[in-house]
Protein backbone atom coordinates (compact mmCIF):
# COMPACT_ATOMS: atom_id res chain seq x y z
CA MET A 1 13.38 -5.43 -11.74
CA GLN A 2 12.92 -4.74 -8.47
CA VAL A 3 10.46 -1.87 -5.45
CA THR A 4 13.28 0.93 -5.22
CA SER A 5 13.28 3.68 -4.61
CA ASP A 6 12.57 6.46 -7.74
CA THR A 7 10.22 4.43 -8.89
CA VAL A 8 7.17 4.29 -9.85
CA VAL A 9 5.13 1.63 -8.37
CA SER A 10 1.17 0.29 -9.83
CA ILE A 11 -1.04 -1.99 -7.01
CA ASP A 12 -4.10 -3.56 -6.89
CA TYR A 13 -5.06 -3.47 -3.13
CA GLU A 14 -7.67 -4.60 -1.09
CA LEU A 15 -8.96 -3.30 2.65
CA SER A 16 -10.09 -4.54 5.73
CA ASN A 17 -11.25 -4.10 9.44
CA SER A 18 -10.12 -5.47 12.42
CA GLU A 19 -13.41 -8.02 11.06
CA GLY A 20 -11.97 -9.02 8.34
CA GLU A 21 -15.25 -7.28 6.42
CA LEU A 22 -14.12 -5.45 2.49
CA ILE A 23 -13.94 -1.72 2.74
CA GLU A 24 -12.40 -1.26 -0.23
CA LYS A 25 -10.73 -2.49 -3.38
CA THR A 26 -9.43 -1.38 -6.04
CA ASP A 27 -10.84 -1.40 -9.66
CA GLU A 28 -8.11 -0.04 -11.27
CA PRO A 29 -4.30 0.08 -10.46
CA ILE A 30 -3.02 2.58 -8.45
CA GLU A 31 0.40 4.02 -9.04
CA TYR A 32 2.67 5.98 -6.39
CA LEU A 33 6.43 7.06 -7.08
CA HIS A 34 7.68 5.06 -4.12
CA GLY A 35 11.39 6.65 -1.40
CA GLY A 36 9.77 8.13 0.84
CA TYR A 37 7.80 10.97 -1.11
CA HIS A 38 4.71 10.02 0.86
CA GLY A 39 2.81 9.01 -1.56
CA ILE A 40 0.94 6.27 0.49
CA PHE A 41 1.05 4.73 3.40
CA ALA A 42 4.70 4.94 5.30
CA ARG A 43 4.62 1.09 6.26
CA VAL A 44 3.26 0.20 2.03
CA GLU A 45 5.93 1.12 1.29
CA GLU A 46 8.04 -0.30 3.27
CA ALA A 47 6.37 -3.66 2.48
CA LEU A 48 6.92 -3.97 -1.19
CA SER A 49 10.80 -2.45 -1.19
CA GLY A 50 12.23 -5.52 -3.36
CA LYS A 51 9.44 -7.06 -4.03
CA GLY A 52 9.08 -8.10 -7.69
CA VAL A 53 5.73 -7.88 -10.07
CA GLY A 54 3.44 -10.03 -9.05
CA GLU A 55 4.84 -9.82 -5.28
CA THR A 56 2.57 -9.85 -2.06
CA ALA A 57 2.51 -7.83 1.32
CA ASP A 58 0.44 -8.20 3.68
CA VAL A 59 0.40 -4.67 5.59
CA TYR A 60 -1.74 -4.63 8.92
CA LEU A 61 -1.96 -1.27 9.87
CA GLN A 62 -2.17 0.63 12.99
CA PRO A 63 -3.73 4.45 14.11
CA GLN A 64 -0.46 5.12 15.28
CA ASP A 65 0.69 3.91 11.85
CA ARG A 66 -1.29 7.30 10.03
CA SER A 67 -0.86 10.40 8.65
CA GLU A 68 -2.64 13.52 9.14
CA GLU A 69 -4.47 13.38 5.48
CA HIS A 70 -5.24 9.63 6.28
CA THR A 71 -6.64 9.85 9.66
CA SER A 72 -10.07 9.14 8.82
CA GLU A 73 -9.02 6.28 6.35
CA LEU A 74 -7.40 5.07 9.42
CA GLN A 75 -10.00 5.04 11.99
CA SER A 76 -11.43 1.38 11.78
CA LEU A 77 -8.30 -0.13 8.82
CA ALA A 78 -6.53 -2.46 10.21
CA TYR A 79 -4.66 -4.70 6.79
CA LEU A 80 -3.79 -3.90 3.66
CA VAL A 81 -2.91 -6.44 0.78
CA CYS A 82 -1.28 -4.91 -1.84
CA ARG A 83 -0.46 -6.99 -4.81
CA LEU A 84 2.90 -5.21 -7.06
CA LEU A 85 1.21 -5.39 -10.32
CA LEU A 86 3.92 -2.75 -12.36
CA GLU A 87 7.39 -1.44 -11.93
CA LYS A 88 8.87 1.54 -13.57
CA LYS A 89 11.38 4.43 -14.69
């Protein structure tokens, strides 16, 4: 199964700043509903579209990629690695 619109996606991720320092790493997978529902950064959603279980996506985020609710998170965030764990409908 591939990530498509209206798929619940579960991912582990690591966030690093532009110097490569780890900012945050998931202890448990997070889930979001794929398909433009604003549950995750749009660039992350774009990178995960069409991916399958176990695949990874490297995403570089810039301050202009943030939304109002993610403003503080992206002030020093530059790099995000997502590993797709599980998907289900």
